[in-house]
Amino acid sequence: MSDLIHLDDKNFTKLIANGLILVDFFADWCGPCRMMTPVINTLADEMKGKVSFAKLDIDASQKTTQQFQVTSIPTLILFKNGQEVERVVGLRDPDSLKKMIEAHL
């Protein structure tokens, strides 16, 4: 099973500060978000050591959600050394996400 990082308002800035990390902004009640979970888990296993994968519950972490102006979920934001480098909204297949990530390795 993949090692997903669980982010919240308190640890977000510290944990995205270094390296490449894909953050899945989600909510438990969101059907498309639940459909993204196996995609994220598969990529996390496949790309271990190259990129980190994290989840942030928008209901529990509203400050961070507002800071990054996340208004639709699932929203996936790729951060490199603390800076947003790419963002996608909605369901995505593993290949398109992998290509997006590899462009920033």
C-alpha atoms as a PDB file:
ATOM      1  CA  MET A   1       0.000   0.000   0.000  1.00  0.00           C
ATOM      2  CA  SER A   2       1.188   3.508  -0.751  1.00  0.00           C
ATOM      3  CA  ASP A   3       2.583   5.944   1.788  1.00  0.00           C
ATOM      4  CA  LEU A   4       0.304   8.938   1.396  1.00  0.00           C
ATOM      5  CA  ILE A   5       1.074  12.008   3.482  1.00  0.00           C
ATOM      6  CA  HIS A   6      -1.928  13.481   5.265  1.00  0.00           C
ATOM      7  CA  LEU A   7      -1.781  17.261   5.214  1.00  0.00           C
ATOM      8  CA  ASP A   8      -3.706  19.829   7.234  1.00  0.00           C
ATOM      9  CA  ASP A   9      -3.564  23.566   7.899  1.00  0.00           C
ATOM     10  CA  LYS A  10      -0.858  23.080  10.548  1.00  0.00           C
ATOM     11  CA  ASN A  11       1.650  20.899   8.648  1.00  0.00           C
ATOM     12  CA  PHE A  12       0.997  21.928   5.028  1.00  0.00           C
ATOM     13  CA  THR A  13       3.700  24.566   4.505  1.00  0.00           C
ATOM     14  CA  LYS A  14       6.398  22.505   6.235  1.00  0.00           C
ATOM     15  CA  LEU A  15       5.647  19.275   4.392  1.00  0.00           C
ATOM     16  CA  ILE A  16       5.495  20.749   0.867  1.00  0.00           C
ATOM     17  CA  ALA A  17       8.655  22.862   1.337  1.00  0.00           C
ATOM     18  CA  ASN A  18      11.126  20.414  -0.217  1.00  0.00           C
ATOM     19  CA  GLY A  19      11.030  18.203  -3.266  1.00  0.00           C
ATOM     20  CA  LEU A  20       8.178  17.331  -5.568  1.00  0.00           C
ATOM     21  CA  ILE A  21       4.782  16.583  -4.025  1.00  0.00           C
ATOM     22  CA  LEU A  22       1.361  16.056  -5.592  1.00  0.00           C
ATOM     23  CA  VAL A  23      -1.418  17.185  -3.264  1.00  0.00           C
ATOM     24  CA  ASP A  24      -4.919  15.791  -3.727  1.00  0.00           C
ATOM     25  CA  PHE A  25      -7.466  18.293  -2.371  1.00  0.00           C
ATOM     26  CA  PHE A  26     -10.499  16.100  -1.615  1.00  0.00           C
ATOM     27  CA  ALA A  27     -13.559  15.547   0.573  1.00  0.00           C
ATOM     28  CA  ASP A  28     -14.941  12.273   1.913  1.00  0.00           C
ATOM     29  CA  TRP A  29     -18.397  13.060   0.495  1.00  0.00           C
ATOM     30  CA  CYS A  30     -17.055  13.638  -3.052  1.00  0.00           C
ATOM     31  CA  GLY A  31     -17.686  10.703  -5.420  1.00  0.00           C
ATOM     32  CA  PRO A  32     -15.089  11.735  -8.035  1.00  0.00           C
ATOM     33  CA  CYS A  33     -12.546  12.203  -5.218  1.00  0.00           C
ATOM     34  CA  ARG A  34     -13.128   8.613  -4.110  1.00  0.00           C
ATOM     35  CA  MET A  35     -12.613   7.509  -7.726  1.00  0.00           C
ATOM     36  CA  MET A  36      -9.213   9.301  -7.769  1.00  0.00           C
ATOM     37  CA  THR A  37      -7.946   7.465  -4.674  1.00  0.00           C
ATOM     38  CA  PRO A  38      -6.880   4.237  -6.444  1.00  0.00           C
ATOM     39  CA  VAL A  39      -5.198   6.306  -9.191  1.00  0.00           C
ATOM     40  CA  ILE A  40      -3.216   8.262  -6.584  1.00  0.00           C
ATOM     41  CA  ASN A  41      -2.326   5.071  -4.689  1.00  0.00           C
ATOM     42  CA  THR A  42      -1.092   3.366  -7.863  1.00  0.00           C
ATOM     43  CA  LEU A  43       1.081   6.323  -8.843  1.00  0.00           C
ATOM     44  CA  ALA A  44       2.414   6.668  -5.294  1.00  0.00           C
ATOM     45  CA  ASP A  45       3.599   3.052  -5.408  1.00  0.00           C
ATOM     46  CA  GLU A  46       4.936   3.333  -8.953  1.00  0.00           C
ATOM     47  CA  MET A  47       6.804   6.620  -8.478  1.00  0.00           C
ATOM     48  CA  LYS A  48       8.062   6.075  -4.920  1.00  0.00           C
ATOM     49  CA  GLY A  49      11.336   7.883  -4.323  1.00  0.00           C
ATOM     50  CA  LYS A  50      10.777  10.373  -7.157  1.00  0.00           C
ATOM     51  CA  VAL A  51       7.736  12.255  -5.923  1.00  0.00           C
ATOM     52  CA  SER A  52       5.634  12.329  -2.763  1.00  0.00           C
ATOM     53  CA  PHE A  53       1.844  12.099  -2.731  1.00  0.00           C
ATOM     54  CA  ALA A  54      -0.400  13.760  -0.191  1.00  0.00           C
ATOM     55  CA  LYS A  55      -4.077  14.264   0.570  1.00  0.00           C
ATOM     56  CA  LEU A  56      -5.697  17.321   2.108  1.00  0.00           C
ATOM     57  CA  ASP A  57      -9.305  17.180   3.323  1.00  0.00           C
ATOM     58  CA  ILE A  58     -10.857  20.486   2.248  1.00  0.00           C
ATOM     59  CA  ASP A  59     -13.471  20.367   5.008  1.00  0.00           C
ATOM     60  CA  ALA A  60     -10.877  19.901   7.762  1.00  0.00           C
ATOM     61  CA  SER A  61      -8.338  22.341   6.276  1.00  0.00           C
ATOM     62  CA  GLN A  62     -10.340  25.301   5.019  1.00  0.00           C
ATOM     63  CA  LYS A  63      -7.535  27.849   5.498  1.00  0.00           C
ATOM     64  CA  THR A  64      -5.199  26.047   3.074  1.00  0.00           C
ATOM     65  CA  THR A  65      -8.076  25.307   0.701  1.00  0.00           C
ATOM     66  CA  GLN A  66      -8.908  29.018   0.529  1.00  0.00           C
ATOM     67  CA  GLN A  67      -5.245  30.033   0.263  1.00  0.00           C
ATOM     68  CA  PHE A  68      -4.891  27.992  -2.939  1.00  0.00           C
ATOM     69  CA  GLN A  69      -8.360  28.987  -4.199  1.00  0.00           C
ATOM     70  CA  VAL A  70      -9.569  25.412  -4.529  1.00  0.00           C
ATOM     71  CA  THR A  71     -13.229  25.709  -5.511  1.00  0.00           C
ATOM     72  CA  SER A  72     -13.804  22.370  -7.265  1.00  0.00           C
ATOM     73  CA  ILE A  73     -12.710  18.915  -6.237  1.00  0.00           C
ATOM     74  CA  PRO A  74     -10.852  16.804  -6.854  1.00  0.00           C
ATOM     75  CA  THR A  75      -8.093  19.355  -7.431  1.00  0.00           C
ATOM     76  CA  LEU A  76      -4.552  18.040  -7.771  1.00  0.00           C
ATOM     77  CA  ILE A  77      -1.746  20.552  -7.291  1.00  0.00           C
ATOM     78  CA  LEU A  78       1.877  19.695  -7.970  1.00  0.00           C
ATOM     79  CA  PHE A  79       4.346  21.569  -5.767  1.00  0.00           C
ATOM     80  CA  LYS A  80       8.092  21.778  -6.289  1.00  0.00           C
ATOM     81  CA  ASN A  81      10.084  23.072  -3.314  1.00  0.00           C
ATOM     82  CA  GLY A  82       6.980  24.753  -1.913  1.00  0.00           C
ATOM     83  CA  GLN A  83       5.868  26.450  -5.126  1.00  0.00           C
ATOM     84  CA  GLU A  84       2.848  25.449  -7.203  1.00  0.00           C
ATOM     85  CA  VAL A  85       4.064  24.311 -10.635  1.00  0.00           C
ATOM     86  CA  GLU A  86       0.943  22.698 -12.078  1.00  0.00           C
ATOM     87  CA  ARG A  87      -2.736  22.137 -11.276  1.00  0.00           C
ATOM     88  CA  VAL A  88      -5.481  19.905 -12.665  1.00  0.00           C
ATOM     89  CA  VAL A  89      -9.138  19.805 -11.677  1.00  0.00           C
ATOM     90  CA  GLY A  90     -11.394  16.783 -12.026  1.00  0.00           C
ATOM     91  CA  LEU A  91     -10.790  13.123 -12.705  1.00  0.00           C
ATOM     92  CA  ARG A  92      -7.543  12.209 -14.446  1.00  0.00           C
ATOM     93  CA  ASP A  93      -6.113   8.932 -15.663  1.00  0.00           C
ATOM     94  CA  PRO A  94      -2.791   7.655 -14.296  1.00  0.00           C
ATOM     95  CA  ASP A  95      -0.908   8.226 -17.560  1.00  0.00           C
ATOM     96  CA  SER A  96      -1.771  11.918 -17.839  1.00  0.00           C
ATOM     97  CA  LEU A  97      -0.859  12.525 -14.190  1.00  0.00           C
ATOM     98  CA  LYS A  98       2.398  10.630 -14.607  1.00  0.00           C
ATOM     99  CA  LYS A  99       3.326  12.745 -17.644  1.00  0.00           C
ATOM    100  CA  MET A 100       2.535  15.929 -15.722  1.00  0.00           C
ATOM    101  CA  ILE A 101       4.741  14.836 -12.823  1.00  0.00           C
ATOM    102  CA  GLU A 102       7.604  13.621 -15.005  1.00  0.00           C
ATOM    103  CA  ALA A 103       7.743  17.022 -16.742  1.00  0.00           C
ATOM    104  CA  HIS A 104       8.876  18.472 -13.385  1.00  0.00           C
ATOM    105  CA  LEU A 105      11.330  15.807 -12.232  1.00  0.00           C
END
